[in-house]
Amino acid sequence: MSTSNSLDSVYFITLPENFQLSKNAAHIDPTIPLPVQKKAEDAPGNFNMEELSPEQILSGILTVLAYDKDNRHLPYYRSVLKSALPDIQKELTETAIIKIKNEEFDEAEEILAALRGFDPDDMSAVLNTALMLDQRAEFYRQQSLNDDADACDAEALEYYNRAMEADPPVPDAYFNAGFYYLKQRDFLQARDCFEEFLALTCNLPDDELGKNGAYKKERAQEILNNIKNDNIDDQKFKAAYDFISKGQNEKGLEQIREFLQSNPHVWNAWFLLGWGLRRMERYEDAQKAFTTALQYGGDKNADTYNELSICYVEMQDYAQARHCLEKALALSPESVKIISNLGYLALKEGKPAEAQKYFTTVLEYDPDDKIALAELKKLEA
């Protein structure tokens, strides 16, 4: 939701001096106008003071905290909200986390914006915003909405950086940012984040890190060992990924081939080689690279099988393409990208009824998936 539209849903009114939000709330200052959330049925300019509820005021305050960062009355609004709802931060945080898990990203984003406005120094709200954007990017990428995914990735990084710059340091910011960089295949930055996490937590008891404290330490160390053993924090690997991501495939292939000369058993490198070759439509060469990636550990990654299936489709080996997509789906059963690709494969095989089932399944996960909606429309025509 845009800032202007959100603030358009708020009235500013002056309340009587004896008005109270709750029995425990501080007295209202009648000289400061309070924001009030409009009701859906309110006609323009048709506000009825007698029907005003405390919930409308509290909701209005949350909207202003989220979207009107320059409002000079923010400290007062925060005090009103805190006195009326002492547990508001905890309750909103729990709600935001549930919304993120349910992929209700718009609602989660509004709640997190309100939390950041309520307490600008609350790094948990900043970190949860980064995690929400990170997950939203993954959601978009599964639908092949790569531009939207890239925009969310860039914004997520801004919030991760804010959380990592906090004083005192927030160990979880480095832990979660490490996984963000792993997904970007920026293993150099991932290594630095996990090393910083371990440095910050080496002398902390597990109970101070939370119930997953011991697990996080072990996981961070395991990832660091894998990065160092495979040498994937090498600059050539990073350069190869950056070049291919930007469409400079020839330069990327040159870098990754140099890396493979010294590191021939690294599945991530073979995956990158295959990715670059596939983008250049060199499908047989890409197929060989992805198959080699499977041999060295890429068989635990759904993307390897999915990329390999694309090569087989282009080579018109539909049986192998199906085998790969079924393997990918077993590893990532809710990936709409993989389910959509099964639908496309069924179309290639001349099985429209089967394709329809796959695209319908995509809509069960995401009713707004544009690709599935378009393909179903064609099939129903």
Protein backbone atom coordinates (compact mmCIF):
# COMPACT_ATOMS: atom_id res chain seq x y z
CA MET A 1 0.00 0.00 0.00
CA SER A 2 1.35 3.43 -0.87
CA THR A 3 2.08 6.03 1.79
CA SER A 4 -0.36 8.57 0.38
CA ASN A 5 -3.21 6.09 0.18
CA SER A 6 -2.55 4.91 3.74
CA LEU A 7 -2.60 8.44 5.15
CA ASP A 8 -5.70 9.26 3.12
CA SER A 9 -7.54 6.72 5.29
CA VAL A 10 -6.95 8.84 8.42
CA TYR A 11 -8.86 11.80 9.92
CA PHE A 12 -7.21 14.15 12.42
CA ILE A 13 -9.62 15.24 15.14
CA THR A 14 -9.52 17.02 18.50
CA LEU A 15 -11.11 15.06 21.35
CA PRO A 16 -12.82 16.32 24.50
CA GLU A 17 -10.58 16.67 27.55
CA ASN A 18 -12.39 13.90 29.47
CA PHE A 19 -12.03 11.31 26.67
CA GLN A 20 -10.09 8.15 27.62
CA LEU A 21 -8.92 5.28 25.40
CA SER A 22 -8.94 2.82 28.29
CA LYS A 23 -9.01 2.88 32.07
CA ASN A 24 -5.20 2.58 32.21
CA ALA A 25 -4.42 4.98 29.39
CA ALA A 26 -2.95 8.42 29.92
CA HIS A 27 -5.26 11.40 29.63
CA ILE A 28 -5.69 12.80 26.14
CA ASP A 29 -4.13 16.19 25.41
CA PRO A 30 -7.00 18.14 23.81
CA THR A 31 -4.57 20.54 22.11
CA ILE A 32 -3.06 17.82 19.88
CA PRO A 33 -5.22 16.36 17.10
CA LEU A 34 -5.37 12.57 17.08
CA PRO A 35 -5.41 10.42 13.94
CA VAL A 36 -8.53 8.32 13.50
CA GLN A 37 -8.86 5.45 11.03
CA LYS A 38 -11.85 5.95 8.74
CA LYS A 39 -14.49 3.26 8.60
CA ALA A 40 -14.99 1.65 5.22
CA GLU A 41 -18.55 2.91 5.08
CA ASP A 42 -17.69 6.52 5.93
CA ALA A 43 -18.69 8.94 3.17
CA PRO A 44 -16.26 11.83 2.48
CA GLY A 45 -16.70 14.53 5.11
CA ASN A 46 -19.29 12.48 6.98
CA PHE A 47 -17.61 11.75 10.31
CA ASN A 48 -19.81 10.98 13.33
CA MET A 49 -18.06 11.68 16.66
CA GLU A 50 -20.71 9.70 18.55
CA GLU A 51 -19.74 6.51 16.72
CA LEU A 52 -16.01 6.94 17.35
CA SER A 53 -14.34 3.85 18.86
CA PRO A 54 -10.98 3.66 20.69
CA GLU A 55 -9.89 1.07 18.10
CA GLN A 56 -10.20 3.69 15.34
CA ILE A 57 -7.83 5.99 17.22
CA LEU A 58 -5.29 3.27 17.94
CA SER A 59 -5.40 2.12 14.32
CA GLY A 60 -5.01 5.70 13.14
CA ILE A 61 -1.96 6.16 15.36
CA LEU A 62 -0.38 2.99 13.94
CA THR A 63 -0.95 4.28 10.40
CA VAL A 64 0.74 7.59 11.19
CA LEU A 65 3.65 5.84 12.90
CA ALA A 66 4.09 3.69 9.81
CA TYR A 67 3.81 6.32 7.09
CA ASP A 68 4.20 9.85 8.47
CA LYS A 69 7.79 9.85 9.74
CA ASP A 70 7.99 13.65 9.86
CA ASN A 71 4.89 14.20 11.99
CA ARG A 72 5.93 16.45 14.89
CA HIS A 73 3.54 14.71 17.29
CA LEU A 74 5.05 11.22 16.94
CA PRO A 75 6.47 11.12 20.52
CA TYR A 76 3.02 11.96 21.91
CA TYR A 77 1.30 9.37 19.70
CA ARG A 78 3.79 6.73 20.86
CA SER A 79 3.08 7.55 24.50
CA VAL A 80 -0.68 7.34 23.94
CA LEU A 81 -0.36 3.97 22.24
CA LYS A 82 2.01 2.59 24.88
CA SER A 83 -0.23 3.63 27.77
CA ALA A 84 -3.36 2.22 26.14
CA LEU A 85 -1.72 -1.02 24.94
CA PRO A 86 1.40 -1.82 27.01
CA ASP A 87 2.05 -5.11 25.12
CA ILE A 88 1.55 -3.63 21.65
CA GLN A 89 5.10 -4.35 20.41
CA LYS A 90 5.00 -8.02 21.39
CA GLU A 91 1.51 -8.52 19.95
CA LEU A 92 2.26 -6.78 16.66
CA THR A 93 5.56 -8.63 16.26
CA GLU A 94 3.82 -11.98 16.71
CA THR A 95 1.14 -10.98 14.21
CA ALA A 96 3.73 -9.85 11.66
CA ILE A 97 5.61 -13.15 11.93
CA ILE A 98 2.39 -15.09 11.34
CA LYS A 99 1.61 -12.92 8.31
CA ILE A 100 5.08 -13.56 6.88
CA LYS A 101 4.71 -17.33 7.35
CA ASN A 102 1.35 -17.18 5.57
CA GLU A 103 2.89 -15.12 2.74
CA GLU A 104 0.54 -12.21 3.50
CA PHE A 105 3.31 -9.79 2.72
CA ASP A 106 1.33 -6.54 2.31
CA GLU A 107 -0.20 -6.90 5.77
CA ALA A 108 3.15 -7.89 7.29
CA GLU A 109 4.83 -4.89 5.68
CA GLU A 110 2.30 -2.46 7.17
CA ILE A 111 2.63 -3.96 10.65
CA LEU A 112 6.42 -3.85 10.50
CA ALA A 113 6.36 -0.25 9.27
CA ALA A 114 4.20 0.63 12.29
CA LEU A 115 6.61 -1.19 14.63
CA ARG A 116 9.59 0.70 13.21
CA GLY A 117 7.68 3.95 13.66
CA PHE A 118 6.67 3.04 17.21
CA ASP A 119 10.28 2.35 18.25
CA PRO A 120 12.91 3.41 15.69
CA ASP A 121 15.63 1.79 17.84
CA ASP A 122 13.95 -1.63 17.85
CA MET A 123 16.35 -3.71 15.74
CA SER A 124 14.06 -6.75 15.87
CA ALA A 125 11.54 -4.83 13.72
CA VAL A 126 14.31 -3.87 11.29
CA LEU A 127 15.57 -7.46 11.07
CA ASN A 128 12.06 -8.87 10.68
CA THR A 129 11.52 -6.41 7.82
CA ALA A 130 14.66 -7.73 6.12
CA LEU A 131 13.46 -11.31 6.59
CA MET A 132 10.02 -10.44 5.20
CA LEU A 133 11.51 -8.83 2.09
CA ASP A 134 13.94 -11.73 1.69
CA GLN A 135 11.07 -14.24 1.76
CA ARG A 136 8.97 -12.06 -0.52
CA ALA A 137 11.80 -12.00 -3.07
CA GLU A 138 11.94 -15.79 -2.99
CA PHE A 139 8.15 -15.91 -3.46
CA TYR A 140 8.38 -13.65 -6.52
CA ARG A 141 11.30 -15.57 -7.98
CA GLN A 142 9.37 -18.85 -7.79
CA GLN A 143 6.78 -17.17 -10.03
CA SER A 144 9.49 -15.98 -12.44
CA LEU A 145 8.76 -12.35 -11.42
CA ASN A 146 12.47 -11.64 -11.42
CA ASP A 147 12.32 -7.83 -11.52
CA ASP A 148 10.04 -7.77 -8.46
CA ALA A 149 12.30 -10.30 -6.75
CA ASP A 150 15.41 -8.22 -7.46
CA ALA A 151 13.73 -5.10 -6.04
CA CYS A 152 12.83 -6.95 -2.83
CA ASP A 153 16.36 -8.35 -2.58
CA ALA A 154 17.84 -4.86 -2.84
CA GLU A 155 15.49 -3.50 -0.17
CA ALA A 156 16.10 -6.51 2.09
CA LEU A 157 19.84 -5.84 1.94
CA GLU A 158 19.28 -2.25 3.11
CA TYR A 159 17.49 -3.52 6.21
CA TYR A 160 20.05 -6.27 6.85
CA ASN A 161 22.78 -3.61 6.71
CA ARG A 162 20.86 -1.41 9.17
CA ALA A 163 20.52 -4.34 11.56
CA MET A 164 24.21 -5.26 11.20
CA GLU A 165 25.25 -1.66 11.93
CA ALA A 166 23.33 -1.64 15.24
CA ASP A 167 25.09 -0.76 18.49
CA PRO A 168 25.14 -2.98 20.48
CA PRO A 169 25.55 -5.63 17.76
CA VAL A 170 22.66 -7.99 16.91
CA PRO A 171 24.12 -11.47 16.31
CA ASP A 172 21.01 -12.73 14.50
CA ALA A 173 21.38 -9.94 11.95
CA TYR A 174 24.67 -11.49 10.80
CA PHE A 175 23.28 -15.03 10.95
CA ASN A 176 20.28 -14.24 8.74
CA ALA A 177 22.25 -11.96 6.42
CA GLY A 178 24.61 -14.89 5.88
CA PHE A 179 21.73 -16.94 4.46
CA TYR A 180 20.68 -13.98 2.32
CA TYR A 181 24.15 -13.91 0.75
CA LEU A 182 24.13 -17.69 0.31
CA LYS A 183 21.00 -17.37 -1.83
CA GLN A 184 22.75 -14.65 -3.83
CA ARG A 185 25.70 -17.04 -4.21
CA ASP A 186 27.89 -14.31 -2.74
CA PHE A 187 29.88 -16.73 -0.63
CA LEU A 188 32.54 -14.18 0.26
CA GLN A 189 30.00 -11.95 2.04
CA ALA A 190 28.24 -15.00 3.50
CA ARG A 191 31.54 -16.16 4.99
CA ASP A 192 32.13 -12.77 6.60
CA CYS A 193 28.62 -12.72 8.10
CA PHE A 194 28.86 -16.19 9.62
CA GLU A 195 32.35 -15.48 10.98
CA GLU A 196 31.06 -12.29 12.62
CA PHE A 197 28.08 -14.19 14.08
CA LEU A 198 30.39 -16.77 15.64
CA ALA A 199 32.72 -14.06 16.95
CA LEU A 200 29.80 -12.30 18.64
CA THR A 201 28.37 -15.47 20.16
CA CYS A 202 31.47 -17.50 21.05
CA ASN A 203 31.34 -16.49 24.71
CA LEU A 204 27.56 -16.27 25.07
CA PRO A 205 25.62 -19.05 26.81
CA ASP A 206 23.04 -20.76 24.61
CA ASP A 207 20.12 -19.50 26.71
CA GLU A 208 21.12 -15.92 25.92
CA LEU A 209 20.95 -16.72 22.20
CA GLY A 210 17.50 -18.26 22.53
CA LYS A 211 16.30 -21.83 22.26
CA ASN A 212 18.03 -22.29 18.90
CA GLY A 213 21.33 -20.81 20.03
CA ALA A 214 23.36 -24.01 19.93
CA TYR A 215 21.87 -25.00 16.58
CA LYS A 216 22.74 -21.64 15.03
CA LYS A 217 26.36 -21.89 16.15
CA GLU A 218 26.68 -25.40 14.73
CA ARG A 219 24.95 -24.41 11.48
CA ALA A 220 27.12 -21.33 11.00
CA GLN A 221 30.28 -23.35 11.55
CA GLU A 222 29.09 -26.09 9.17
CA ILE A 223 28.43 -23.54 6.41
CA LEU A 224 31.81 -21.89 6.98
CA ASN A 225 33.53 -25.26 6.71
CA ASN A 226 31.73 -25.99 3.44
CA ILE A 227 32.61 -22.57 1.99
CA LYS A 228 36.27 -22.94 2.90
CA ASN A 229 36.54 -26.57 1.83
CA ASP A 230 35.04 -25.80 -1.59
CA ASN A 231 36.93 -22.49 -1.90
CA ILE A 232 33.71 -20.81 -3.09
CA ASP A 233 34.62 -17.56 -1.39
CA ASP A 234 37.15 -17.17 -4.21
CA GLN A 235 36.91 -13.90 -6.16
CA LYS A 236 36.67 -15.75 -9.48
CA PHE A 237 33.52 -17.53 -8.32
CA LYS A 238 31.93 -14.26 -7.21
CA ALA A 239 32.93 -12.54 -10.46
CA ALA A 240 31.46 -15.40 -12.51
CA TYR A 241 28.12 -15.14 -10.71
CA ASP A 242 27.98 -11.36 -11.09
CA PHE A 243 28.77 -11.50 -14.82
CA ILE A 244 26.18 -14.18 -15.57
CA SER A 245 23.54 -12.44 -13.44
CA LYS A 246 24.04 -9.31 -15.52
CA GLY A 247 23.83 -11.18 -18.82
CA GLN A 248 27.58 -11.03 -19.53
CA ASN A 249 27.68 -14.77 -20.02
CA GLU A 250 30.96 -15.08 -21.92
CA LYS A 251 32.87 -13.21 -19.21
CA GLY A 252 31.14 -15.29 -16.55
CA LEU A 253 32.02 -18.56 -18.27
CA GLU A 254 35.63 -17.49 -18.53
CA GLN A 255 35.81 -16.83 -14.78
CA ILE A 256 34.05 -20.02 -13.72
CA ARG A 257 36.20 -22.18 -16.01
CA GLU A 258 39.30 -20.70 -14.40
CA PHE A 259 37.85 -21.49 -10.99
CA LEU A 260 37.05 -25.09 -12.01
CA GLN A 261 40.65 -25.70 -13.08
CA SER A 262 41.65 -25.52 -9.41
CA ASN A 263 38.33 -26.68 -7.91
CA PRO A 264 36.93 -29.42 -10.17
CA HIS A 265 34.66 -31.03 -7.56
CA VAL A 266 32.58 -28.00 -6.52
CA TRP A 267 28.96 -28.52 -7.56
CA ASN A 268 28.10 -24.82 -7.26
CA ALA A 269 30.73 -24.04 -9.88
CA TRP A 270 29.36 -26.65 -12.30
CA PHE A 271 25.90 -25.22 -11.68
CA LEU A 272 27.13 -21.72 -12.57
CA LEU A 273 28.76 -23.08 -15.72
CA GLY A 274 25.52 -24.79 -16.72
CA TRP A 275 23.49 -21.68 -15.92
CA GLY A 276 25.64 -19.51 -18.18
CA LEU A 277 25.57 -22.06 -21.00
CA ARG A 278 21.79 -22.50 -20.71
CA ARG A 279 21.28 -18.74 -20.93
CA MET A 280 23.33 -18.82 -24.13
CA GLU A 281 21.02 -21.59 -25.44
CA ARG A 282 23.87 -24.09 -25.53
CA TYR A 283 21.58 -26.73 -24.08
CA GLU A 284 23.66 -29.88 -24.64
CA ASP A 285 26.73 -28.31 -23.02
CA ALA A 286 24.59 -26.97 -20.19
CA GLN A 287 23.05 -30.41 -19.66
CA LYS A 288 26.52 -31.91 -19.21
CA ALA A 289 27.47 -29.22 -16.69
CA PHE A 290 24.29 -29.67 -14.63
CA THR A 291 24.72 -33.46 -14.68
CA THR A 292 28.24 -33.03 -13.32
CA ALA A 293 26.86 -30.69 -10.63
CA LEU A 294 24.52 -33.50 -9.53
CA GLN A 295 27.48 -35.86 -9.13
CA TYR A 296 29.31 -33.50 -6.77
CA GLY A 297 26.43 -32.60 -4.43
CA GLY A 298 23.95 -30.60 -6.51
CA ASP A 299 21.45 -33.46 -6.20
CA LYS A 300 20.26 -31.90 -2.95
CA ASN A 301 19.29 -28.67 -4.72
CA ALA A 302 15.95 -28.36 -6.54
CA ASP A 303 17.28 -25.64 -8.86
CA THR A 304 19.84 -28.03 -10.33
CA TYR A 305 17.13 -30.46 -11.42
CA ASN A 306 14.88 -27.64 -12.60
CA GLU A 307 17.62 -26.12 -14.77
CA LEU A 308 18.51 -29.56 -16.13
CA SER A 309 14.85 -30.13 -17.06
CA ILE A 310 14.87 -26.93 -19.16
CA CYS A 311 17.82 -28.29 -21.13
CA TYR A 312 16.08 -31.62 -21.72
CA VAL A 313 12.89 -29.86 -22.88
CA GLU A 314 14.88 -27.87 -25.43
CA MET A 315 16.59 -31.09 -26.50
CA GLN A 316 13.08 -32.65 -26.83
CA ASP A 317 13.93 -35.39 -24.31
CA TYR A 318 10.65 -35.05 -22.45
CA ALA A 319 11.03 -38.24 -20.42
CA GLN A 320 14.27 -37.00 -18.85
CA ALA A 321 12.75 -33.54 -18.35
CA ARG A 322 9.86 -35.07 -16.41
CA HIS A 323 12.23 -37.18 -14.33
CA CYS A 324 14.21 -34.06 -13.38
CA LEU A 325 11.11 -32.02 -12.53
CA GLU A 326 9.75 -34.80 -10.33
CA LYS A 327 13.10 -34.87 -8.49
CA ALA A 328 12.97 -31.07 -8.13
CA LEU A 329 9.39 -31.18 -6.83
CA ALA A 330 10.33 -33.81 -4.23
CA LEU A 331 12.97 -31.40 -2.90
CA SER A 332 10.75 -28.30 -3.12
CA PRO A 333 7.10 -29.48 -3.12
CA GLU A 334 5.53 -26.01 -2.93
CA SER A 335 7.58 -24.34 -5.67
CA VAL A 336 5.14 -22.81 -8.13
CA LYS A 337 8.03 -22.41 -10.59
CA ILE A 338 8.55 -26.17 -10.72
CA ILE A 339 4.83 -26.93 -10.85
CA SER A 340 4.43 -24.42 -13.70
CA ASN A 341 7.29 -26.09 -15.56
CA LEU A 342 5.49 -29.44 -15.21
CA GLY A 343 2.49 -27.73 -16.79
CA TYR A 344 4.59 -26.46 -19.69
CA LEU A 345 6.11 -29.91 -20.14
CA ALA A 346 2.63 -31.45 -20.30
CA LEU A 347 1.74 -28.96 -23.03
CA LYS A 348 4.88 -29.95 -24.97
CA GLU A 349 3.83 -33.58 -24.63
CA GLY A 350 0.35 -32.80 -25.97
CA LYS A 351 -1.41 -33.41 -22.64
CA PRO A 352 -3.60 -30.31 -22.11
CA ALA A 353 -5.74 -31.90 -19.38
CA GLU A 354 -2.64 -32.71 -17.32
CA ALA A 355 -1.25 -29.22 -17.94
CA GLN A 356 -4.51 -27.73 -16.70
CA LYS A 357 -4.19 -29.67 -13.44
CA TYR A 358 -0.69 -28.35 -12.85
CA PHE A 359 -1.62 -24.72 -13.54
CA THR A 360 -4.69 -25.08 -11.31
CA THR A 361 -2.42 -26.38 -8.54
CA VAL A 362 -0.24 -23.29 -8.95
CA LEU A 363 -3.30 -21.11 -8.30
CA GLU A 364 -4.03 -23.04 -5.09
CA TYR A 365 -0.66 -21.78 -3.80
CA ASP A 366 -0.95 -18.35 -5.37
CA PRO A 367 -4.37 -17.27 -6.75
CA ASP A 368 -2.76 -14.26 -8.47
CA ASP A 369 -0.06 -16.14 -10.39
CA LYS A 370 -0.10 -14.41 -13.78
CA ILE A 371 1.56 -17.23 -15.70
CA ALA A 372 -0.88 -19.89 -14.50
CA LEU A 373 -3.88 -17.61 -15.10
CA ALA A 374 -2.75 -16.87 -18.66
CA GLU A 375 -2.13 -20.54 -19.49
CA LEU A 376 -5.47 -21.64 -18.06
CA LYS A 377 -7.22 -18.96 -20.09
CA LYS A 378 -5.58 -20.32 -23.25
CA LEU A 379 -6.56 -23.88 -22.35
CA GLU A 380 -10.16 -22.91 -21.68
CA ALA A 381 -10.51 -20.92 -24.91
